[in-house]
Amino acid sequence: MHAMASTVAALRNQIRVAVGRYERQTSSAFTKEALAAICEHVDADIETEPTPPKAEMRAAILVAIGEAPTFDPSAHESAFRKAQLQTIADALEEGA
């Protein structure tokens, strides 16, 4: 397990690189394509073709990594929190 990244932007970039996406120079939330890549890497139980809404993919990711007990897209309308990003980064690292 890596030490906790210092910023949300650094965590997002760490996750992007882990799923084969590119780093971004500016801080920005994940695109639908990046979320779909994360879903595939954590074996989330969601069909990514066609690309579902972001909230559904965030909910599926959190269930897949054990961070949410149930699939509830309405609880994940906004971007991941820093602690969630760290858990996702850790799950991706463990699966590498």
Protein backbone atom coordinates (compact mmCIF):
# COMPACT_ATOMS: atom_id res chain seq x y z
CA MET A 1 0.00 0.00 0.00
CA HIS A 2 1.36 3.40 -0.96
CA ALA A 3 1.40 6.32 1.43
CA MET A 4 -1.68 8.46 1.11
CA ALA A 5 -1.38 10.90 -1.80
CA SER A 6 -1.35 14.49 -0.72
CA THR A 7 -4.18 15.76 -2.90
CA VAL A 8 -7.38 14.63 -4.56
CA ALA A 9 -5.83 15.51 -7.93
CA ALA A 10 -2.83 13.26 -7.22
CA LEU A 11 -5.12 10.39 -6.22
CA ARG A 12 -7.22 10.80 -9.36
CA ASN A 13 -4.07 10.73 -11.50
CA GLN A 14 -2.76 7.66 -9.65
CA ILE A 15 -6.06 5.90 -10.41
CA ARG A 16 -6.07 7.08 -14.04
CA VAL A 17 -2.59 5.64 -14.60
CA ALA A 18 -3.54 2.36 -12.87
CA VAL A 19 -6.41 1.82 -15.33
CA GLY A 20 -4.48 2.84 -18.44
CA ARG A 21 -5.79 6.38 -18.77
CA TYR A 22 -3.65 9.50 -18.97
CA GLU A 23 -2.75 11.92 -16.19
CA ARG A 24 -4.25 15.38 -16.23
CA GLN A 25 -2.37 18.56 -15.47
CA THR A 26 -5.41 20.22 -13.90
CA SER A 27 -7.66 18.78 -11.23
CA SER A 28 -10.82 17.39 -12.74
CA ALA A 29 -13.39 14.73 -11.96
CA PHE A 30 -13.31 11.45 -13.83
CA THR A 31 -14.80 11.32 -17.31
CA LYS A 32 -17.35 8.64 -18.14
CA GLU A 33 -14.61 6.80 -20.02
CA ALA A 34 -12.29 6.84 -17.01
CA LEU A 35 -15.09 5.63 -14.72
CA ALA A 36 -15.85 2.81 -17.18
CA ALA A 37 -12.16 1.81 -17.12
CA ILE A 38 -12.18 1.78 -13.31
CA CYS A 39 -15.35 -0.36 -13.36
CA GLU A 40 -13.60 -2.89 -15.55
CA HIS A 41 -10.45 -2.98 -13.41
CA VAL A 42 -12.34 -3.53 -10.12
CA ASP A 43 -14.77 -6.02 -11.70
CA ALA A 44 -17.77 -3.82 -10.92
CA ASP A 45 -21.08 -5.50 -11.65
CA ILE A 46 -22.23 -3.04 -14.31
CA GLU A 47 -22.44 -3.07 -18.08
CA THR A 48 -20.23 -0.27 -19.48
CA GLU A 49 -21.40 -0.45 -23.11
CA PRO A 50 -23.25 1.79 -23.66
CA THR A 51 -21.72 4.00 -20.99
CA PRO A 52 -24.13 4.34 -18.04
CA PRO A 53 -24.58 7.54 -16.01
CA LYS A 54 -21.62 8.53 -13.81
CA ALA A 55 -23.60 8.05 -10.56
CA GLU A 56 -24.33 4.44 -11.51
CA MET A 57 -20.68 3.74 -12.27
CA ARG A 58 -19.52 5.41 -9.02
CA ALA A 59 -22.04 3.29 -7.06
CA ALA A 60 -20.91 0.09 -8.80
CA ILE A 61 -17.24 0.87 -8.12
CA LEU A 62 -17.87 1.50 -4.43
CA VAL A 63 -19.84 -1.74 -4.07
CA ALA A 64 -17.11 -3.67 -5.91
CA ILE A 65 -14.37 -2.45 -3.56
CA GLY A 66 -16.49 -2.93 -0.42
CA GLU A 67 -16.89 0.78 0.26
CA ALA A 68 -20.70 0.76 -0.12
CA PRO A 69 -23.07 -1.97 1.11
CA THR A 70 -25.60 -1.62 -1.72
CA PHE A 71 -25.88 -0.26 -5.25
CA ASP A 72 -27.47 3.18 -4.76
CA PRO A 73 -26.68 5.67 -7.54
CA SER A 74 -28.70 8.41 -5.82
CA ALA A 75 -26.14 8.40 -3.00
CA HIS A 76 -23.27 8.98 -5.45
CA GLU A 77 -24.38 11.93 -7.55
CA SER A 78 -21.20 13.89 -6.78
CA ALA A 79 -17.52 13.08 -7.31
CA PHE A 80 -15.68 10.63 -5.07
CA ARG A 81 -14.40 11.95 -1.72
CA LYS A 82 -10.69 11.77 -0.94
CA ALA A 83 -11.05 8.73 1.34
CA GLN A 84 -13.00 6.91 -1.39
CA LEU A 85 -10.30 7.76 -3.93
CA GLN A 86 -7.66 6.34 -1.60
CA THR A 87 -9.65 3.12 -1.19
CA ILE A 88 -10.05 2.83 -4.98
CA ALA A 89 -6.31 3.44 -5.50
CA ASP A 90 -5.53 0.77 -2.89
CA ALA A 91 -7.91 -1.73 -4.52
CA LEU A 92 -6.33 -1.11 -7.93
CA GLU A 93 -2.86 -1.55 -6.48
CA GLU A 94 -3.84 -4.82 -4.79
CA GLY A 95 -5.34 -6.08 -8.04
CA ALA A 96 -2.22 -5.21 -10.06
